[in-house]
Amino acid sequence: MKIGDTVKIKECALVPELVGEDAEIVDMQIQEYEKCRLHPIWAKIASGECRGKICGFREGEVELLPKGDEAQNASNKEERKTMKTKIIEQVEEILTDVATVEEVVEIERVTEEAKGKILVELGLDFWVGKTPCWEMSRCPEAVRRECPAFKYQSLPCWEIKGTYCKLDDHGATGIDTSICQICQVYKRYGHGEPRRIKLFSKGIDTSLRSLAKGGGSEHAELRET
């Protein structure tokens, strides 16, 4: 605590009616009162009937109140805590009514999709310290501009729906990860973990579905049909 800080009065034996009021610290020094009590904190009462008066308090009789952004952050934290509690209660209620394997699978799918969206929002980069898939596969600029693996680098390519490599010339939806099993990228960085789509609805437009090699290049080019 320091001069200028705002505190809330928790205890006050001499003036009990001050409990719960706010006060601003105006001095920090030990002063003796009636030869028996030490008051290292002197604060000007900021609310209530005693507003404007200066009183002495001991350390445990006041608590520091957050300022400005700190107060807002504390409020936001409490709001998130309350929301989290409500969400947990809702999820528990839903799970109580689950009766089939299909319902369990659907819940898992929705959960994985939510996790993917959160990772994207956090902006975490899976490829830090790694050679990204678009470099290992030598994807041309046209593919990089469209492929969600390049756009959403918070997740590995095998967890994103509609990446360029998952599409074929029949307009696939881009959720089949079987090709990933033989991919050099997954072999290097997948560590044999299950290949589950976590980020949905971010894929290449499947109307751009024909793949062709142009000019003898080893790079795949994307063209409209």
Protein backbone atom coordinates (compact mmCIF):
# COMPACT_ATOMS: atom_id res chain seq x y z
CA MET A 1 0.00 0.00 0.00
CA LYS A 2 1.07 3.59 -0.64
CA ILE A 3 -0.21 7.13 -0.38
CA GLY A 4 -2.99 7.70 -2.90
CA ASP A 5 -4.23 4.10 -2.89
CA THR A 6 -7.92 3.43 -2.30
CA VAL A 7 -8.84 0.95 0.42
CA LYS A 8 -11.97 -0.60 1.85
CA ILE A 9 -12.32 -0.64 5.62
CA LYS A 10 -12.70 -4.19 6.94
CA GLU A 11 -12.48 -3.52 10.69
CA CYS A 12 -12.51 -0.48 12.94
CA ALA A 13 -12.90 -1.02 16.66
CA LEU A 14 -13.02 2.69 17.47
CA VAL A 15 -15.62 3.63 14.84
CA PRO A 16 -17.50 0.44 13.82
CA GLU A 17 -19.78 2.35 11.43
CA LEU A 18 -16.80 2.89 9.10
CA VAL A 19 -16.68 -0.82 8.20
CA GLY A 20 -17.46 -1.25 4.49
CA GLU A 21 -16.66 2.34 3.56
CA ASP A 22 -13.96 3.37 1.06
CA ALA A 23 -11.05 5.59 1.98
CA GLU A 24 -7.95 7.13 0.36
CA ILE A 25 -4.57 6.71 2.04
CA VAL A 26 -3.13 10.14 2.84
CA ASP A 27 -0.21 9.18 5.06
CA MET A 28 1.88 6.13 5.89
CA GLN A 29 3.59 6.48 9.24
CA ILE A 30 3.29 4.98 12.68
CA GLN A 31 1.56 7.31 15.10
CA GLU A 32 0.55 6.52 18.63
CA TYR A 33 -3.04 7.09 19.65
CA GLU A 34 -3.99 7.34 23.33
CA LYS A 35 -0.64 5.69 24.21
CA CYS A 36 -1.89 2.24 23.30
CA ARG A 37 -2.67 1.80 19.60
CA LEU A 38 -0.38 2.08 16.59
CA HIS A 39 -1.83 3.26 13.28
CA PRO A 40 0.59 2.93 10.33
CA ILE A 41 -2.13 3.80 7.80
CA TRP A 42 -3.96 7.11 7.78
CA ALA A 43 -6.82 7.41 5.33
CA LYS A 44 -9.41 9.99 4.37
CA ILE A 45 -12.90 8.50 4.37
CA ALA A 46 -14.37 8.70 0.86
CA SER A 47 -17.92 7.51 1.46
CA GLY A 48 -20.64 7.36 4.08
CA GLU A 49 -21.55 9.79 6.85
CA CYS A 50 -17.92 10.25 7.93
CA ARG A 51 -16.79 11.27 4.47
CA GLY A 52 -13.86 13.70 4.56
CA LYS A 53 -12.61 12.67 8.00
CA ILE A 54 -9.09 11.24 8.42
CA CYS A 55 -8.72 8.15 10.59
CA GLY A 56 -5.88 5.80 11.51
CA PHE A 57 -5.94 2.06 10.78
CA ARG A 58 -3.76 -0.94 11.34
CA GLU A 59 -2.61 -3.19 8.46
CA GLY A 60 -5.32 -5.81 8.81
CA GLU A 61 -8.15 -3.31 9.13
CA VAL A 62 -8.16 -2.23 5.47
CA GLU A 63 -7.81 -3.97 2.11
CA LEU A 64 -6.43 -2.46 -1.07
CA LEU A 65 -8.95 -1.85 -3.85
CA PRO A 66 -7.90 -2.25 -7.52
CA LYS A 67 -7.65 0.84 -9.71
CA GLY A 68 -8.92 1.56 -13.22
CA ASP A 69 -8.00 -1.32 -15.53
CA GLU A 70 -7.29 -3.57 -12.56
CA ALA A 71 -10.83 -3.09 -11.31
CA GLN A 72 -12.20 -3.80 -14.78
CA ASN A 73 -10.02 -6.90 -15.10
CA ALA A 74 -11.20 -8.12 -11.71
CA SER A 75 -14.80 -7.56 -12.79
CA ASN A 76 -14.22 -9.39 -16.09
CA LYS A 77 -12.55 -12.26 -14.28
CA GLU A 78 -15.50 -12.63 -11.93
CA GLU A 79 -17.91 -12.47 -14.88
CA ARG A 80 -15.98 -15.20 -16.73
CA LYS A 81 -15.98 -17.33 -13.59
CA THR A 82 -19.75 -16.99 -13.28
CA MET A 83 -20.22 -17.78 -16.99
CA LYS A 84 -17.94 -20.80 -16.71
CA THR A 85 -20.00 -22.14 -13.82
CA LYS A 86 -23.21 -21.73 -15.83
CA ILE A 87 -21.68 -23.46 -18.87
CA ILE A 88 -20.52 -26.40 -16.76
CA GLU A 89 -24.02 -26.73 -15.31
CA GLN A 90 -25.53 -26.69 -18.81
CA VAL A 91 -23.06 -29.29 -20.10
CA GLU A 92 -23.73 -31.54 -17.12
CA GLU A 93 -27.47 -31.27 -17.82
CA ILE A 94 -26.93 -32.19 -21.48
CA LEU A 95 -24.71 -35.16 -20.62
CA THR A 96 -27.31 -36.45 -18.19
CA ASP A 97 -29.72 -36.91 -21.11
CA VAL A 98 -27.19 -38.61 -23.44
CA ALA A 99 -28.49 -42.08 -24.29
CA THR A 100 -26.85 -43.22 -27.53
CA VAL A 101 -23.37 -43.61 -28.99
CA GLU A 102 -24.36 -41.27 -31.82
CA GLU A 103 -25.09 -38.51 -29.33
CA VAL A 104 -21.68 -39.03 -27.70
CA VAL A 105 -19.98 -38.80 -31.11
CA GLU A 106 -21.83 -35.58 -31.90
CA ILE A 107 -20.81 -34.06 -28.57
CA GLU A 108 -17.17 -34.97 -29.26
CA ARG A 109 -17.38 -33.38 -32.71
CA VAL A 110 -18.82 -30.13 -31.36
CA THR A 111 -16.19 -30.05 -28.60
CA GLU A 112 -13.33 -30.52 -31.04
CA GLU A 113 -14.74 -27.80 -33.29
CA ALA A 114 -14.95 -25.39 -30.34
CA LYS A 115 -11.34 -26.18 -29.37
CA GLY A 116 -10.20 -25.43 -32.91
CA LYS A 117 -11.94 -22.06 -32.94
CA ILE A 118 -10.39 -21.12 -29.60
CA LEU A 119 -6.90 -21.97 -30.83
CA VAL A 120 -7.43 -19.82 -33.92
CA GLU A 121 -8.62 -16.90 -31.80
CA LEU A 122 -5.62 -17.22 -29.50
CA GLY A 123 -3.34 -16.94 -32.52
CA LEU A 124 -1.03 -19.74 -31.40
CA ASP A 125 1.36 -20.96 -34.11
CA PHE A 126 1.76 -24.74 -34.43
CA TRP A 127 4.56 -24.31 -36.96
CA VAL A 128 6.98 -22.38 -34.76
CA GLY A 129 10.31 -24.20 -34.97
CA LYS A 130 8.99 -26.53 -37.69
CA THR A 131 9.05 -26.58 -41.48
CA PRO A 132 5.39 -25.80 -42.38
CA CYS A 133 3.45 -28.08 -44.66
CA TRP A 134 3.26 -25.56 -47.52
CA GLU A 135 7.06 -25.45 -47.63
CA MET A 136 7.55 -29.20 -47.32
CA SER A 137 4.99 -29.75 -50.09
CA ARG A 138 6.35 -26.80 -52.10
CA CYS A 139 2.88 -25.33 -52.58
CA PRO A 140 2.71 -22.47 -55.09
CA GLU A 141 1.55 -19.01 -54.07
CA ALA A 142 -1.90 -19.59 -55.60
CA VAL A 143 -2.47 -22.52 -53.25
CA ARG A 144 -1.10 -20.74 -50.19
CA ARG A 145 -3.50 -17.85 -50.68
CA GLU A 146 -6.49 -20.20 -50.59
CA CYS A 147 -5.45 -23.05 -48.31
CA PRO A 148 -6.63 -22.79 -44.69
CA ALA A 149 -3.46 -24.53 -43.48
CA PHE A 150 -1.61 -21.34 -44.44
CA LYS A 151 -4.34 -19.01 -43.18
CA TYR A 152 -4.85 -20.68 -39.80
CA GLN A 153 -1.41 -21.65 -38.57
CA SER A 154 -2.54 -22.31 -35.00
CA LEU A 155 -3.39 -25.91 -35.93
CA PRO A 156 -1.55 -28.61 -37.92
CA CYS A 157 -2.88 -29.13 -41.43
CA TRP A 158 -4.34 -32.57 -40.67
CA GLU A 159 -6.73 -31.01 -38.12
CA ILE A 160 -8.20 -28.44 -40.54
CA LYS A 161 -11.10 -29.13 -42.88
CA GLY A 162 -10.72 -28.36 -46.57
CA THR A 163 -6.96 -28.07 -46.91
CA TYR A 164 -5.74 -28.27 -50.49
CA CYS A 165 -4.34 -31.79 -50.14
CA LYS A 166 -7.67 -33.15 -48.80
CA LEU A 167 -9.58 -32.08 -51.90
CA ASP A 168 -9.84 -34.06 -55.12
CA ASP A 169 -11.27 -33.53 -58.57
CA HIS A 170 -14.69 -34.78 -57.50
CA GLY A 171 -15.44 -31.85 -55.24
CA ALA A 172 -14.63 -33.55 -51.91
CA THR A 173 -15.65 -31.73 -48.75
CA GLY A 174 -12.14 -31.89 -47.35
CA ILE A 175 -12.80 -33.85 -44.16
CA ASP A 176 -11.16 -37.13 -45.20
CA THR A 177 -7.77 -37.31 -43.47
CA SER A 178 -6.75 -40.69 -44.87
CA ILE A 179 -4.27 -39.02 -47.22
CA CYS A 180 -2.50 -37.56 -44.18
CA GLN A 181 -1.37 -41.02 -43.10
CA ILE A 182 1.06 -41.22 -46.01
CA CYS A 183 1.98 -37.52 -45.95
CA GLN A 184 5.56 -36.58 -45.08
CA VAL A 185 4.31 -33.68 -42.95
CA TYR A 186 2.14 -35.86 -40.72
CA LYS A 187 4.85 -38.52 -40.50
CA ARG A 188 7.31 -35.91 -39.24
CA TYR A 189 5.10 -33.93 -36.88
CA GLY A 190 1.99 -36.03 -36.23
CA HIS A 191 3.71 -38.52 -33.90
CA GLY A 192 1.06 -41.08 -34.76
CA GLU A 193 -1.65 -39.14 -32.93
CA PRO A 194 -5.28 -39.50 -34.10
CA ARG A 195 -6.14 -37.32 -37.09
CA ARG A 196 -9.29 -35.44 -36.12
CA ILE A 197 -10.70 -32.35 -37.79
CA LYS A 198 -10.86 -29.53 -35.21
CA LEU A 199 -11.39 -26.50 -37.43
CA PHE A 200 -14.43 -26.64 -39.72
CA SER A 201 -15.91 -24.37 -42.41
CA LYS A 202 -12.61 -22.71 -43.28
CA GLY A 203 -11.62 -24.75 -46.32
CA ILE A 204 -10.82 -23.93 -49.93
CA ASP A 205 -13.90 -23.35 -52.03
CA THR A 206 -14.60 -26.87 -53.32
CA SER A 207 -15.85 -25.46 -56.63
CA LEU A 208 -12.11 -25.01 -57.36
CA ARG A 209 -11.72 -28.73 -57.51
CA SER A 210 -9.57 -29.64 -60.49
CA LEU A 211 -5.89 -30.23 -59.87
CA ALA A 212 -3.40 -29.99 -62.70
CA LYS A 213 0.33 -29.70 -63.15
CA GLY A 214 1.39 -26.84 -65.33
CA GLY A 215 4.51 -26.46 -67.42
CA GLY A 216 6.13 -29.66 -66.14
CA SER A 217 6.34 -28.17 -62.64
CA GLU A 218 6.13 -30.46 -59.67
CA HIS A 219 3.83 -27.92 -58.04
CA ALA A 220 0.08 -28.41 -58.15
CA GLU A 221 -1.86 -25.49 -59.56
CA LEU A 222 -5.40 -24.54 -58.68
CA ARG A 223 -7.79 -23.70 -61.48
CA GLU A 224 -11.52 -23.30 -61.88
CA THR A 225 -13.51 -25.86 -63.81
